[in-house]
Amino acid sequence: MAMKLTKQVDPYTYRIKWSAEDNEFVGLCAEFPSLSWLAKTPEAALRGILDLVSEVVLDMQSNNEIIPQPLAVKRFSGILTVRIPPHVHRDLTIQAAEDKISINRLISSKLTAR
């Protein structure tokens, strides 16, 4: 999917965290895992990663490269296939039967519980 990114609309997923190793805040973008921006304040880290992603997207556009689709606009099916050990599968099946619910409902409730 071709995408045009402007400074006014940035649909990517950003996170700012403290880096004890660098003794600074680091700005990250989930859709561009190889990019980061270090700064003394969280605000500067966010501004830095926003600008960096914008520059990278513009560069990718000019080189006709495929630009990552923002996670915020990506459609998800809701289907997730996960491999688990057989004994865990058995235990979940037993618990679901005892609770009189489907194993899918049991796993879904476990994943969404906080």
PDB file of N, CA and C in Angstrom:
ATOM      1  N   MET A   1       0.839  -1.177   0.000  1.00  0.00           N
ATOM      2  CA  MET A   1       0.000   0.000   0.000  1.00  0.00           C
ATOM      3  C   MET A   1       0.882   1.236   0.000  1.00  0.00           C
ATOM      4  N   ALA A   2       0.765   2.067  -0.994  1.00  0.00           N
ATOM      5  CA  ALA A   2       1.531   3.307  -1.059  1.00  0.00           C
ATOM      6  C   ALA A   2       0.947   4.286  -0.053  1.00  0.00           C
ATOM      7  N   MET A   3       1.812   5.031   0.583  1.00  0.00           N
ATOM      8  CA  MET A   3       1.347   5.952   1.595  1.00  0.00           C
ATOM      9  C   MET A   3       2.077   7.266   1.482  1.00  0.00           C
ATOM     10  N   LYS A   4       1.399   8.350   1.660  1.00  0.00           N
ATOM     11  CA  LYS A   4       2.000   9.673   1.649  1.00  0.00           C
ATOM     12  C   LYS A   4       1.956  10.189   3.084  1.00  0.00           C
ATOM     13  N   LEU A   5       3.101  10.526   3.636  1.00  0.00           N
ATOM     14  CA  LEU A   5       3.180  10.983   5.015  1.00  0.00           C
ATOM     15  C   LEU A   5       3.418  12.480   5.016  1.00  0.00           C
ATOM     16  N   THR A   6       2.640  13.187   5.792  1.00  0.00           N
ATOM     17  CA  THR A   6       2.864  14.614   5.955  1.00  0.00           C
ATOM     18  C   THR A   6       3.178  14.868   7.417  1.00  0.00           C
ATOM     19  N   LYS A   7       3.773  16.003   7.701  1.00  0.00           N
ATOM     20  CA  LYS A   7       4.102  16.331   9.085  1.00  0.00           C
ATOM     21  C   LYS A   7       2.838  16.527   9.928  1.00  0.00           C
ATOM     22  N   GLN A   8       1.702  16.919   9.275  1.00  0.00           N
ATOM     23  CA  GLN A   8       0.471  17.138  10.016  1.00  0.00           C
ATOM     24  C   GLN A   8      -0.191  15.815  10.434  1.00  0.00           C
ATOM     25  N   VAL A   9      -0.047  14.776   9.646  1.00  0.00           N
ATOM     26  CA  VAL A   9      -0.702  13.506   9.930  1.00  0.00           C
ATOM     27  C   VAL A   9       0.358  12.414   9.966  1.00  0.00           C
ATOM     28  N   ASP A  10       0.579  11.874  11.129  1.00  0.00           N
ATOM     29  CA  ASP A  10       1.564  10.812  11.280  1.00  0.00           C
ATOM     30  C   ASP A  10       0.910   9.642  11.993  1.00  0.00           C
ATOM     31  N   PRO A  11       0.533   8.622  11.250  1.00  0.00           N
ATOM     32  CA  PRO A  11      -0.237   7.516  11.825  1.00  0.00           C
ATOM     33  C   PRO A  11       0.592   6.406  12.472  1.00  0.00           C
ATOM     34  N   TYR A  12       1.901   6.584  12.582  1.00  0.00           N
ATOM     35  CA  TYR A  12       2.730   5.514  13.114  1.00  0.00           C
ATOM     36  C   TYR A  12       2.642   5.416  14.632  1.00  0.00           C
ATOM     37  N   THR A  13       3.169   4.327  15.168  1.00  0.00           N
ATOM     38  CA  THR A  13       3.087   4.013  16.597  1.00  0.00           C
ATOM     39  C   THR A  13       4.417   4.350  17.264  1.00  0.00           C
ATOM     40  N   TYR A  14       4.386   5.328  18.159  1.00  0.00           N
ATOM     41  CA  TYR A  14       5.613   5.798  18.810  1.00  0.00           C
ATOM     42  C   TYR A  14       5.606   5.461  20.292  1.00  0.00           C
ATOM     43  N   ARG A  15       6.831   5.342  20.816  1.00  0.00           N
ATOM     44  CA  ARG A  15       6.998   5.085  22.249  1.00  0.00           C
ATOM     45  C   ARG A  15       8.265   5.791  22.693  1.00  0.00           C
ATOM     46  N   ILE A  16       8.217   6.345  23.877  1.00  0.00           N
ATOM     47  CA  ILE A  16       9.383   6.979  24.485  1.00  0.00           C
ATOM     48  C   ILE A  16       9.701   6.203  25.753  1.00  0.00           C
ATOM     49  N   LYS A  17      10.960   5.834  25.919  1.00  0.00           N
ATOM     50  CA  LYS A  17      11.349   5.139  27.150  1.00  0.00           C
ATOM     51  C   LYS A  17      12.717   5.642  27.589  1.00  0.00           C
ATOM     52  N   TRP A  18      13.015   5.401  28.836  1.00  0.00           N
ATOM     53  CA  TRP A  18      14.298   5.796  29.394  1.00  0.00           C
ATOM     54  C   TRP A  18      15.336   4.731  29.067  1.00  0.00           C
ATOM     55  N   SER A  19      16.511   5.147  28.629  1.00  0.00           N
ATOM     56  CA  SER A  19      17.614   4.230  28.379  1.00  0.00           C
ATOM     57  C   SER A  19      18.675   4.456  29.452  1.00  0.00           C
ATOM     58  N   ALA A  20      18.763   3.520  30.389  1.00  0.00           N
ATOM     59  CA  ALA A  20      19.772   3.630  31.441  1.00  0.00           C
ATOM     60  C   ALA A  20      21.171   3.533  30.847  1.00  0.00           C
ATOM     61  N   GLU A  21      21.309   2.740  29.807  1.00  0.00           N
ATOM     62  CA  GLU A  21      22.600   2.563  29.139  1.00  0.00           C
ATOM     63  C   GLU A  21      23.113   3.873  28.540  1.00  0.00           C
ATOM     64  N   ASP A  22      22.194   4.650  27.940  1.00  0.00           N
ATOM     65  CA  ASP A  22      22.582   5.911  27.300  1.00  0.00           C
ATOM     66  C   ASP A  22      22.369   7.116  28.205  1.00  0.00           C
ATOM     67  N   ASN A  23      21.670   6.908  29.317  1.00  0.00           N
ATOM     68  CA  ASN A  23      21.344   7.976  30.246  1.00  0.00           C
ATOM     69  C   ASN A  23      20.541   9.089  29.561  1.00  0.00           C
ATOM     70  N   GLU A  24      19.665   8.671  28.654  1.00  0.00           N
ATOM     71  CA  GLU A  24      18.802   9.593  27.924  1.00  0.00           C
ATOM     72  C   GLU A  24      17.493   8.889  27.599  1.00  0.00           C
ATOM     73  N   PHE A  25      16.534   9.679  27.155  1.00  0.00           N
ATOM     74  CA  PHE A  25      15.283   9.114  26.659  1.00  0.00           C
ATOM     75  C   PHE A  25      15.496   8.674  25.224  1.00  0.00           C
ATOM     76  N   VAL A  26      14.820   7.597  24.843  1.00  0.00           N
ATOM     77  CA  VAL A  26      14.926   7.104  23.464  1.00  0.00           C
ATOM     78  C   VAL A  26      13.530   7.074  22.852  1.00  0.00           C
ATOM     79  N   GLY A  27      13.437   7.641  21.655  1.00  0.00           N
ATOM     80  CA  GLY A  27      12.198   7.614  20.900  1.00  0.00           C
ATOM     81  C   GLY A  27      12.239   6.447  19.929  1.00  0.00           C
ATOM     82  N   LEU A  28      11.158   5.681  19.874  1.00  0.00           N
ATOM     83  CA  LEU A  28      11.083   4.492  19.024  1.00  0.00           C
ATOM     84  C   LEU A  28       9.807   4.536  18.189  1.00  0.00           C
ATOM     85  N   CYS A  29       9.840   3.837  17.058  1.00  0.00           N
ATOM     86  CA  CYS A  29       8.668   3.707  16.203  1.00  0.00           C
ATOM     87  C   CYS A  29       8.495   2.227  15.884  1.00  0.00           C
ATOM     88  N   ALA A  30       7.342   1.662  16.247  1.00  0.00           N
ATOM     89  CA  ALA A  30       7.107   0.221  16.093  1.00  0.00           C
ATOM     90  C   ALA A  30       7.228  -0.225  14.640  1.00  0.00           C
ATOM     91  N   GLU A  31       6.777   0.597  13.705  1.00  0.00           N
ATOM     92  CA  GLU A  31       6.800   0.211  12.299  1.00  0.00           C
ATOM     93  C   GLU A  31       8.199   0.329  11.673  1.00  0.00           C
ATOM     94  N   PHE A  32       9.097   1.024  12.349  1.00  0.00           N
ATOM     95  CA  PHE A  32      10.485   1.179  11.895  1.00  0.00           C
ATOM     96  C   PHE A  32      11.420   0.777  13.037  1.00  0.00           C
ATOM     97  N   PRO A  33      11.522  -0.521  13.326  1.00  0.00           N
ATOM     98  CA  PRO A  33      12.271  -0.971  14.501  1.00  0.00           C
ATOM     99  C   PRO A  33      13.762  -0.660  14.464  1.00  0.00           C
ATOM    100  N   SER A  34      14.302  -0.346  13.306  1.00  0.00           N
ATOM    101  CA  SER A  34      15.738  -0.046  13.237  1.00  0.00           C
ATOM    102  C   SER A  34      16.034   1.419  13.551  1.00  0.00           C
ATOM    103  N   LEU A  35      15.009   2.241  13.714  1.00  0.00           N
ATOM    104  CA  LEU A  35      15.210   3.668  13.980  1.00  0.00           C
ATOM    105  C   LEU A  35      15.026   3.979  15.455  1.00  0.00           C
ATOM    106  N   SER A  36      15.816   4.930  15.954  1.00  0.00           N
ATOM    107  CA  SER A  36      15.646   5.435  17.317  1.00  0.00           C
ATOM    108  C   SER A  36      16.240   6.834  17.391  1.00  0.00           C
ATOM    109  N   TRP A  37      15.847   7.565  18.442  1.00  0.00           N
ATOM    110  CA  TRP A  37      16.359   8.917  18.623  1.00  0.00           C
ATOM    111  C   TRP A  37      16.590   9.154  20.112  1.00  0.00           C
ATOM    112  N   LEU A  38      17.817   9.515  20.473  1.00  0.00           N
ATOM    113  CA  LEU A  38      18.167   9.786  21.862  1.00  0.00           C
ATOM    114  C   LEU A  38      18.079  11.281  22.140  1.00  0.00           C
ATOM    115  N   ALA A  39      17.570  11.623  23.332  1.00  0.00           N
ATOM    116  CA  ALA A  39      17.483  13.027  23.729  1.00  0.00           C
ATOM    117  C   ALA A  39      17.401  13.133  25.251  1.00  0.00           C
ATOM    118  N   LYS A  40      17.679  14.318  25.758  1.00  0.00           N
ATOM    119  CA  LYS A  40      17.673  14.544  27.211  1.00  0.00           C
ATOM    120  C   LYS A  40      16.271  14.598  27.806  1.00  0.00           C
ATOM    121  N   THR A  41      15.260  14.931  26.988  1.00  0.00           N
ATOM    122  CA  THR A  41      13.887  15.010  27.491  1.00  0.00           C
ATOM    123  C   THR A  41      12.983  14.101  26.672  1.00  0.00           C
ATOM    124  N   PRO A  42      11.857  13.654  27.246  1.00  0.00           N
ATOM    125  CA  PRO A  42      10.923  12.832  26.476  1.00  0.00           C
ATOM    126  C   PRO A  42      10.367  13.585  25.268  1.00  0.00           C
ATOM    127  N   GLU A  43      10.117  14.875  25.443  1.00  0.00           N
ATOM    128  CA  GLU A  43       9.574  15.679  24.353  1.00  0.00           C
ATOM    129  C   GLU A  43      10.556  15.765  23.186  1.00  0.00           C
ATOM    130  N   ALA A  44      11.821  15.944  23.497  1.00  0.00           N
ATOM    131  CA  ALA A  44      12.838  16.018  22.441  1.00  0.00           C
ATOM    132  C   ALA A  44      13.027  14.668  21.760  1.00  0.00           C
ATOM    133  N   ALA A  45      12.910  13.588  22.521  1.00  0.00           N
ATOM    134  CA  ALA A  45      13.022  12.243  21.932  1.00  0.00           C
ATOM    135  C   ALA A  45      11.859  11.990  20.978  1.00  0.00           C
ATOM    136  N   LEU A  46      10.658  12.423  21.372  1.00  0.00           N
ATOM    137  CA  LEU A  46       9.492  12.253  20.499  1.00  0.00           C
ATOM    138  C   LEU A  46       9.640  13.089  19.235  1.00  0.00           C
ATOM    139  N   ARG A  47      10.009  14.342  19.401  1.00  0.00           N
ATOM    140  CA  ARG A  47      10.176  15.215  18.224  1.00  0.00           C
ATOM    141  C   ARG A  47      11.250  14.640  17.296  1.00  0.00           C
ATOM    142  N   GLY A  48      12.330  14.134  17.861  1.00  0.00           N
ATOM    143  CA  GLY A  48      13.412  13.577  17.060  1.00  0.00           C
ATOM    144  C   GLY A  48      12.987  12.356  16.259  1.00  0.00           C
ATOM    145  N   ILE A  49      12.270  11.422  16.898  1.00  0.00           N
ATOM    146  CA  ILE A  49      11.859  10.212  16.178  1.00  0.00           C
ATOM    147  C   ILE A  49      10.785  10.541  15.159  1.00  0.00           C
ATOM    148  N   LEU A  50       9.892  11.491  15.467  1.00  0.00           N
ATOM    149  CA  LEU A  50       8.886  11.921  14.488  1.00  0.00           C
ATOM    150  C   LEU A  50       9.558  12.478  13.233  1.00  0.00           C
ATOM    151  N   ASP A  51      10.533  13.352  13.434  1.00  0.00           N
ATOM    152  CA  ASP A  51      11.248  13.951  12.299  1.00  0.00           C
ATOM    153  C   ASP A  51      12.033  12.906  11.517  1.00  0.00           C
ATOM    154  N   LEU A  52      12.685  12.001  12.239  1.00  0.00           N
ATOM    155  CA  LEU A  52      13.482  10.967  11.582  1.00  0.00           C
ATOM    156  C   LEU A  52      12.601  10.054  10.731  1.00  0.00           C
ATOM    157  N   VAL A  53      11.481   9.618  11.265  1.00  0.00           N
ATOM    158  CA  VAL A  53      10.576   8.763  10.499  1.00  0.00           C
ATOM    159  C   VAL A  53      10.068   9.508   9.278  1.00  0.00           C
ATOM    160  N   SER A  54       9.720  10.767   9.445  1.00  0.00           N
ATOM    161  CA  SER A  54       9.246  11.564   8.315  1.00  0.00           C
ATOM    162  C   SER A  54      10.303  11.626   7.214  1.00  0.00           C
ATOM    163  N   GLU A  55      11.552  11.861   7.583  1.00  0.00           N
ATOM    164  CA  GLU A  55      12.648  11.909   6.602  1.00  0.00           C
ATOM    165  C   GLU A  55      12.834  10.560   5.914  1.00  0.00           C
ATOM    166  N   VAL A  56      12.776   9.479   6.679  1.00  0.00           N
ATOM    167  CA  VAL A  56      12.967   8.141   6.112  1.00  0.00           C
ATOM    168  C   VAL A  56      11.837   7.815   5.141  1.00  0.00           C
ATOM    169  N   VAL A  57      10.596   8.144   5.517  1.00  0.00           N
ATOM    170  CA  VAL A  57       9.459   7.878   4.634  1.00  0.00           C
ATOM    171  C   VAL A  57       9.599   8.668   3.336  1.00  0.00           C
ATOM    172  N   LEU A  58       9.974   9.932   3.432  1.00  0.00           N
ATOM    173  CA  LEU A  58      10.164  10.744   2.223  1.00  0.00           C
ATOM    174  C   LEU A  58      11.263  10.154   1.342  1.00  0.00           C
ATOM    175  N   ASP A  59      12.341   9.699   1.961  1.00  0.00           N
ATOM    176  CA  ASP A  59      13.429   9.074   1.214  1.00  0.00           C
ATOM    177  C   ASP A  59      12.955   7.784   0.544  1.00  0.00           C
ATOM    178  N   MET A  60      12.194   6.989   1.270  1.00  0.00           N
ATOM    179  CA  MET A  60      11.670   5.741   0.710  1.00  0.00           C
ATOM    180  C   MET A  60      10.728   6.031  -0.465  1.00  0.00           C
ATOM    181  N   GLN A  61       9.903   7.058  -0.314  1.00  0.00           N
ATOM    182  CA  GLN A  61       8.995   7.441  -1.399  1.00  0.00           C
ATOM    183  C   GLN A  61       9.783   7.843  -2.641  1.00  0.00           C
ATOM    184  N   SER A  62      10.838   8.637  -2.457  1.00  0.00           N
ATOM    185  CA  SER A  62      11.610   9.113  -3.612  1.00  0.00           C
ATOM    186  C   SER A  62      12.360   7.976  -4.297  1.00  0.00           C
ATOM    187  N   ASN A  63      12.607   6.889  -3.567  1.00  0.00           N
ATOM    188  CA  ASN A  63      13.292   5.728  -4.139  1.00  0.00           C
ATOM    189  C   ASN A  63      12.322   4.606  -4.508  1.00  0.00           C
ATOM    190  N   ASN A  64      11.028   4.909  -4.479  1.00  0.00           N
ATOM    191  CA  ASN A  64       9.984   3.936  -4.812  1.00  0.00           C
ATOM    192  C   ASN A  64      10.089   2.653  -3.987  1.00  0.00           C
ATOM    193  N   GLU A  65      10.440   2.807  -2.727  1.00  0.00           N
ATOM    194  CA  GLU A  65      10.519   1.657  -1.824  1.00  0.00           C
ATOM    195  C   GLU A  65       9.155   1.443  -1.158  1.00  0.00           C
ATOM    196  N   ILE A  66       8.926   0.238  -0.689  1.00  0.00           N
ATOM    197  CA  ILE A  66       7.681  -0.076   0.017  1.00  0.00           C
ATOM    198  C   ILE A  66       7.765   0.510   1.427  1.00  0.00           C
ATOM    199  N   ILE A  67       6.772   1.309   1.761  1.00  0.00           N
ATOM    200  CA  ILE A  67       6.723   1.980   3.060  1.00  0.00           C
ATOM    201  C   ILE A  67       5.858   1.149   4.000  1.00  0.00           C
ATOM    202  N   PRO A  68       6.336   0.916   5.225  1.00  0.00           N
ATOM    203  CA  PRO A  68       5.547   0.109   6.163  1.00  0.00           C
ATOM    204  C   PRO A  68       4.162   0.703   6.398  1.00  0.00           C
ATOM    205  N   GLN A  69       3.173  -0.178   6.466  1.00  0.00           N
ATOM    206  CA  GLN A  69       1.808   0.252   6.750  1.00  0.00           C
ATOM    207  C   GLN A  69       1.694   0.545   8.247  1.00  0.00           C
ATOM    208  N   PRO A  70       1.091   1.658   8.610  1.00  0.00           N
ATOM    209  CA  PRO A  70       0.915   1.969  10.038  1.00  0.00           C
ATOM    210  C   PRO A  70       0.042   0.916  10.720  1.00  0.00           C
ATOM    211  N   LEU A  71       0.430   0.507  11.903  1.00  0.00           N
ATOM    212  CA  LEU A  71      -0.349  -0.476  12.650  1.00  0.00           C
ATOM    213  C   LEU A  71      -1.737   0.065  12.988  1.00  0.00           C
ATOM    214  N   ALA A  72      -1.845   1.386  13.144  1.00  0.00           N
ATOM    215  CA  ALA A  72      -3.123   1.998  13.512  1.00  0.00           C
ATOM    216  C   ALA A  72      -4.191   1.839  12.439  1.00  0.00           C
ATOM    217  N   VAL A  73      -3.796   1.663  11.190  1.00  0.00           N
ATOM    218  CA  VAL A  73      -4.773   1.537  10.105  1.00  0.00           C
ATOM    219  C   VAL A  73      -4.800   0.135   9.508  1.00  0.00           C
ATOM    220  N   LYS A  74      -3.927  -0.710   9.999  1.00  0.00           N
ATOM    221  CA  LYS A  74      -3.875  -2.086   9.498  1.00  0.00           C
ATOM    222  C   LYS A  74      -5.093  -2.862   9.990  1.00  0.00           C
ATOM    223  N   ARG A  75      -5.651  -3.686   9.121  1.00  0.00           N
ATOM    224  CA  ARG A  75      -6.786  -4.532   9.506  1.00  0.00           C
ATOM    225  C   ARG A  75      -6.252  -5.834  10.100  1.00  0.00           C
ATOM    226  N   PHE A  76      -6.821  -6.220  11.232  1.00  0.00           N
ATOM    227  CA  PHE A  76      -6.442  -7.462  11.886  1.00  0.00           C
ATOM    228  C   PHE A  76      -7.624  -8.415  11.849  1.00  0.00           C
ATOM    229  N   SER A  77      -7.357  -9.688  11.577  1.00  0.00           N
ATOM    230  CA  SER A  77      -8.423 -10.680  11.435  1.00  0.00           C
ATOM    231  C   SER A  77      -9.002 -11.116  12.777  1.00  0.00           C
ATOM    232  N   GLY A  78      -8.220 -10.995  13.839  1.00  0.00           N
ATOM    233  CA  GLY A  78      -8.662 -11.514  15.130  1.00  0.00           C
ATOM    234  C   GLY A  78      -8.323 -12.986  15.295  1.00  0.00           C
ATOM    235  N   ILE A  79      -7.681 -13.561  14.286  1.00  0.00           N
ATOM    236  CA  ILE A  79      -7.271 -14.966  14.352  1.00  0.00           C
ATOM    237  C   ILE A  79      -5.782 -14.999  14.650  1.00  0.00           C
ATOM    238  N   LEU A  80      -5.424 -15.716  15.692  1.00  0.00           N
ATOM    239  CA  LEU A  80      -4.039 -15.812  16.119  1.00  0.00           C
ATOM    240  C   LEU A  80      -3.717 -17.284  16.362  1.00  0.00           C
ATOM    241  N   THR A  81      -2.755 -17.804  15.634  1.00  0.00           N
ATOM    242  CA  THR A  81      -2.360 -19.193  15.809  1.00  0.00           C
ATOM    243  C   THR A  81      -1.115 -19.227  16.693  1.00  0.00           C
ATOM    244  N   VAL A  82      -1.207 -19.976  17.771  1.00  0.00           N
ATOM    245  CA  VAL A  82      -0.113 -20.042  18.733  1.00  0.00           C
ATOM    246  C   VAL A  82       0.199 -21.499  19.028  1.00  0.00           C
ATOM    247  N   ARG A  83       1.467 -21.847  19.033  1.00  0.00           N
ATOM    248  CA  ARG A  83       1.874 -23.196  19.420  1.00  0.00           C
ATOM    249  C   ARG A  83       2.195 -23.194  20.909  1.00  0.00           C
ATOM    250  N   ILE A  84       1.640 -24.188  21.591  1.00  0.00           N
ATOM    251  CA  ILE A  84       1.887 -24.340  23.027  1.00  0.00           C
ATOM    252  C   ILE A  84       2.235 -25.800  23.302  1.00  0.00           C
ATOM    253  N   PRO A  85       2.884 -26.059  24.431  1.00  0.00           N
ATOM    254  CA  PRO A  85       3.200 -27.448  24.763  1.00  0.00           C
ATOM    255  C   PRO A  85       1.920 -28.268  24.928  1.00  0.00           C
ATOM    256  N   PRO A  86       1.957 -29.548  24.558  1.00  0.00           N
ATOM    257  CA  PRO A  86       0.763 -30.405  24.655  1.00  0.00           C
ATOM    258  C   PRO A  86       0.131 -30.424  26.049  1.00  0.00           C
ATOM    259  N   HIS A  87       0.936 -30.410  27.096  1.00  0.00           N
ATOM    260  CA  HIS A  87       0.358 -30.451  28.443  1.00  0.00           C
ATOM    261  C   HIS A  87      -0.417 -29.165  28.763  1.00  0.00           C
ATOM    262  N   VAL A  88       0.026 -28.043  28.225  1.00  0.00           N
ATOM    263  CA  VAL A  88      -0.704 -26.783  28.422  1.00  0.00           C
ATOM    264  C   VAL A  88      -2.032 -26.836  27.660  1.00  0.00           C
ATOM    265  N   HIS A  89      -1.999 -27.373  26.447  1.00  0.00           N
ATOM    266  CA  HIS A  89      -3.212 -27.536  25.642  1.00  0.00           C
ATOM    267  C   HIS A  89      -4.225 -28.397  26.405  1.00  0.00           C
ATOM    268  N   ARG A  90      -3.743 -29.511  26.955  1.00  0.00           N
ATOM    269  CA  ARG A  90      -4.611 -30.412  27.728  1.00  0.00           C
ATOM    270  C   ARG A  90      -5.199 -29.680  28.938  1.00  0.00           C
ATOM    271  N   ASP A  91      -4.353 -28.969  29.680  1.00  0.00           N
ATOM    272  CA  ASP A  91      -4.824 -28.265  30.875  1.00  0.00           C
ATOM    273  C   ASP A  91      -5.877 -27.207  30.527  1.00  0.00           C
ATOM    274  N   LEU A  92      -5.663 -26.492  29.438  1.00  0.00           N
ATOM    275  CA  LEU A  92      -6.629 -25.479  28.999  1.00  0.00           C
ATOM    276  C   LEU A  92      -7.949 -26.128  28.571  1.00  0.00           C
ATOM    277  N   THR A  93      -7.852 -27.244  27.880  1.00  0.00           N
ATOM    278  CA  THR A  93      -9.053 -27.961  27.443  1.00  0.00           C
ATOM    279  C   THR A  93      -9.865 -28.437  28.647  1.00  0.00           C
ATOM    280  N   ILE A  94      -9.179 -28.956  29.644  1.00  0.00           N
ATOM    281  CA  ILE A  94      -9.855 -29.418  30.865  1.00  0.00           C
ATOM    282  C   ILE A  94     -10.515 -28.242  31.580  1.00  0.00           C
ATOM    283  N   GLN A  95      -9.772 -27.138  31.721  1.00  0.00           N
ATOM    284  CA  GLN A  95     -10.337 -25.971  32.399  1.00  0.00           C
ATOM    285  C   GLN A  95     -11.555 -25.438  31.649  1.00  0.00           C
ATOM    286  N   ALA A  96     -11.482 -25.377  30.328  1.00  0.00           N
ATOM    287  CA  ALA A  96     -12.621 -24.903  29.524  1.00  0.00           C
ATOM    288  C   ALA A  96     -13.830 -25.816  29.711  1.00  0.00           C
ATOM    289  N   ALA A  97     -13.594 -27.126  29.713  1.00  0.00           N
ATOM    290  CA  ALA A  97     -14.701 -28.080  29.904  1.00  0.00           C
ATOM    291  C   ALA A  97     -15.322 -27.898  31.282  1.00  0.00           C
ATOM    292  N   GLU A  98     -14.486 -27.737  32.297  1.00  0.00           N
ATOM    293  CA  GLU A  98     -14.994 -27.543  33.656  1.00  0.00           C
ATOM    294  C   GLU A  98     -15.780 -26.232  33.778  1.00  0.00           C
ATOM    295  N   ASP A  99     -15.347 -25.211  33.048  1.00  0.00           N
ATOM    296  CA  ASP A  99     -16.031 -23.912  33.084  1.00  0.00           C
ATOM    297  C   ASP A  99     -17.219 -23.860  32.120  1.00  0.00           C
ATOM    298  N   LYS A 100     -17.381 -24.940  31.341  1.00  0.00           N
ATOM    299  CA  LYS A 100     -18.469 -25.044  30.359  1.00  0.00           C
ATOM    300  C   LYS A 100     -18.413 -23.916  29.318  1.00  0.00           C
ATOM    301  N   ILE A 101     -17.193 -23.642  28.860  1.00  0.00           N
ATOM    302  CA  ILE A 101     -16.991 -22.662  27.791  1.00  0.00           C
ATOM    303  C   ILE A 101     -16.038 -23.260  26.765  1.00  0.00           C
ATOM    304  N   SER A 102     -15.968 -22.649  25.607  1.00  0.00           N
ATOM    305  CA  SER A 102     -15.037 -23.137  24.584  1.00  0.00           C
ATOM    306  C   SER A 102     -13.609 -22.797  24.991  1.00  0.00           C
ATOM    307  N   ILE A 103     -12.682 -23.572  24.486  1.00  0.00           N
ATOM    308  CA  ILE A 103     -11.268 -23.291  24.760  1.00  0.00           C
ATOM    309  C   ILE A 103     -10.894 -21.924  24.168  1.00  0.00           C
ATOM    310  N   ASN A 104     -11.494 -21.570  23.034  1.00  0.00           N
ATOM    311  CA  ASN A 104     -11.227 -20.268  22.433  1.00  0.00           C
ATOM    312  C   ASN A 104     -11.646 -19.139  23.380  1.00  0.00           C
ATOM    313  N   ARG A 105     -12.839 -19.271  23.983  1.00  0.00           N
ATOM    314  CA  ARG A 105     -13.314 -18.244  24.914  1.00  0.00           C
ATOM    315  C   ARG A 105     -12.420 -18.177  26.147  1.00  0.00           C
ATOM    316  N   LEU A 106     -11.992 -19.325  26.640  1.00  0.00           N
ATOM    317  CA  LEU A 106     -11.114 -19.367  27.818  1.00  0.00           C
ATOM    318  C   LEU A 106      -9.805 -18.639  27.521  1.00  0.00           C
ATOM    319  N   ILE A 107      -9.176 -18.972  26.417  1.00  0.00           N
ATOM    320  CA  ILE A 107      -7.880 -18.362  26.056  1.00  0.00           C
ATOM    321  C   ILE A 107      -8.051 -16.868  25.816  1.00  0.00           C
ATOM    322  N   SER A 108      -9.118 -16.499  25.120  1.00  0.00           N
ATOM    323  CA  SER A 108      -9.386 -15.081  24.867  1.00  0.00           C
ATOM    324  C   SER A 108      -9.538 -14.317  26.170  1.00  0.00           C
ATOM    325  N   SER A 109     -10.267 -14.881  27.121  1.00  0.00           N
ATOM    326  CA  SER A 109     -10.460 -14.183  28.405  1.00  0.00           C
ATOM    327  C   SER A 109      -9.140 -14.073  29.166  1.00  0.00           C
ATOM    328  N   LYS A 110      -8.290 -15.105  29.070  1.00  0.00           N
ATOM    329  CA  LYS A 110      -6.985 -15.052  29.735  1.00  0.00           C
ATOM    330  C   LYS A 110      -6.087 -13.989  29.110  1.00  0.00           C
ATOM    331  N   LEU A 111      -6.144 -13.871  27.779  1.00  0.00           N
ATOM    332  CA  LEU A 111      -5.314 -12.889  27.091  1.00  0.00           C
ATOM    333  C   LEU A 111      -5.748 -11.455  27.354  1.00  0.00           C
ATOM    334  N   THR A 112      -7.049 -11.258  27.561  1.00  0.00           N
ATOM    335  CA  THR A 112      -7.549  -9.902  27.746  1.00  0.00           C
ATOM    336  C   THR A 112      -7.671  -9.499  29.208  1.00  0.00           C
ATOM    337  N   ALA A 113      -7.470 -10.429  30.137  1.00  0.00           N
ATOM    338  CA  ALA A 113      -7.533 -10.112  31.572  1.00  0.00           C
ATOM    339  C   ALA A 113      -6.343  -9.238  31.970  1.00  0.00           C
ATOM    340  N   ARG A 114      -6.601  -8.341  32.865  1.00  0.00           N
ATOM    341  CA  ARG A 114      -5.507  -7.462  33.328  1.00  0.00           C
ATOM    342  C   ARG A 114      -5.246  -7.664  34.780  1.00  0.00           C
TER     343      ARG A 114
END
